[in-house]
Protein backbone atom coordinates (compact mmCIF):
# COMPACT_ATOMS: atom_id res chain seq x y z
CA MET A 1 0.00 0.00 0.00
CA ALA A 2 1.47 3.36 -1.00
CA HIS A 3 1.99 5.96 1.73
CA THR A 4 0.27 9.30 1.19
CA ALA A 5 0.18 12.51 3.19
CA ALA A 6 -2.13 12.42 6.22
CA THR A 7 -5.17 14.65 6.08
CA SER A 8 -7.42 16.39 8.57
CA PRO A 9 -10.47 14.40 9.60
CA THR A 10 -13.89 14.79 8.07
CA HIS A 11 -16.55 15.30 10.75
CA ILE A 12 -19.68 13.18 10.35
CA LYS A 13 -23.04 13.40 12.11
CA VAL A 14 -25.72 10.73 11.69
CA ARG A 15 -29.27 11.14 12.95
CA VAL A 16 -30.48 8.01 14.79
CA GLY A 17 -34.20 7.93 15.36
CA ASN A 18 -35.83 11.27 16.04
CA ARG A 19 -33.82 12.38 19.10
CA MET A 20 -30.24 11.16 18.89
CA THR A 21 -27.26 12.18 16.80
CA LEU A 22 -24.07 10.13 16.62
CA ALA A 23 -20.87 11.91 15.64
CA ALA A 24 -17.74 10.46 14.08
CA LYS A 25 -14.47 11.50 12.51
CA GLN A 26 -13.11 9.99 9.30
CA TRP A 27 -9.57 10.01 7.93
CA GLY A 28 -8.14 8.56 4.74
CA PRO A 29 -9.38 7.71 1.27
CA ASP A 30 -12.95 6.52 0.71
CA ASP A 31 -11.62 3.40 -1.02
CA GLY A 32 -9.10 2.61 1.73
CA PHE A 33 -9.29 -0.55 3.84
CA PRO A 34 -11.88 0.32 6.53
CA VAL A 35 -10.94 0.53 10.21
CA LEU A 36 -13.65 1.19 12.82
CA ALA A 37 -12.30 2.79 16.00
CA ILE A 38 -14.47 2.67 19.13
CA HIS A 39 -13.28 4.47 22.25
CA GLY A 40 -13.34 3.38 25.89
CA TRP A 41 -15.70 4.45 28.65
CA LEU A 42 -14.33 7.95 29.39
CA ASP A 43 -12.92 8.84 25.96
CA ASN A 44 -14.17 10.16 22.62
CA ALA A 45 -13.28 9.90 18.92
CA SER A 46 -10.39 12.33 19.36
CA SER A 47 -8.54 9.59 21.25
CA PHE A 48 -7.63 8.23 17.81
CA ASP A 49 -6.32 11.47 16.23
CA VAL A 50 -2.65 10.45 16.13
CA VAL A 51 -2.99 6.79 15.16
CA ALA A 52 -5.73 7.58 12.61
CA GLN A 53 -3.47 10.08 10.85
CA ASP A 54 -0.72 7.46 10.66
CA LEU A 55 -3.11 4.81 9.35
CA SER A 56 -4.69 7.15 6.81
CA GLY A 57 -1.23 8.09 5.60
CA ALA A 58 -0.75 4.38 4.86
CA GLY A 59 -3.99 4.30 2.82
CA PHE A 60 -6.46 3.07 5.45
CA ARG A 61 -9.89 4.69 5.94
CA VAL A 62 -10.41 5.17 9.68
CA VAL A 63 -13.78 6.03 11.19
CA ALA A 64 -13.78 6.85 14.92
CA VAL A 65 -17.23 7.00 16.50
CA ASP A 66 -18.25 9.17 19.47
CA MET A 67 -20.42 6.83 21.53
CA PRO A 68 -23.69 8.27 22.93
CA GLY A 69 -23.00 10.90 25.59
CA HIS A 70 -19.36 11.32 24.56
CA GLY A 71 -17.63 13.89 22.35
CA GLU A 72 -20.01 15.42 19.82
CA SER A 73 -22.69 12.69 20.07
CA SER A 74 -25.92 13.45 21.89
CA HIS A 75 -26.81 11.87 25.21
CA ARG A 76 -29.37 9.10 25.50
CA GLY A 77 -32.82 10.17 26.61
CA PRO A 78 -33.99 9.71 30.21
CA ASP A 79 -36.33 6.93 29.09
CA THR A 80 -33.47 4.85 27.66
CA PHE A 81 -32.39 1.76 29.55
CA CYS A 82 -28.74 0.77 29.36
CA MET A 83 -26.28 -1.03 31.61
């Protein structure tokens, strides 16, 4: 895989249902090998900024998701049950 210059992330927002928005950041070419990055309990998508730039420079397409209530994603509603 040819190495290319790393780029700034594209910010993505996806509407889920009628009340929630999930945010993500994407680096790399659209046709790159996909890598899904999911952060830990107290983190957000920005936890992957450095490694995602390195991977995208190697031709991978990295998508880092902000889980609900983290980063730019909305919080779950009060009527939502989760453990």
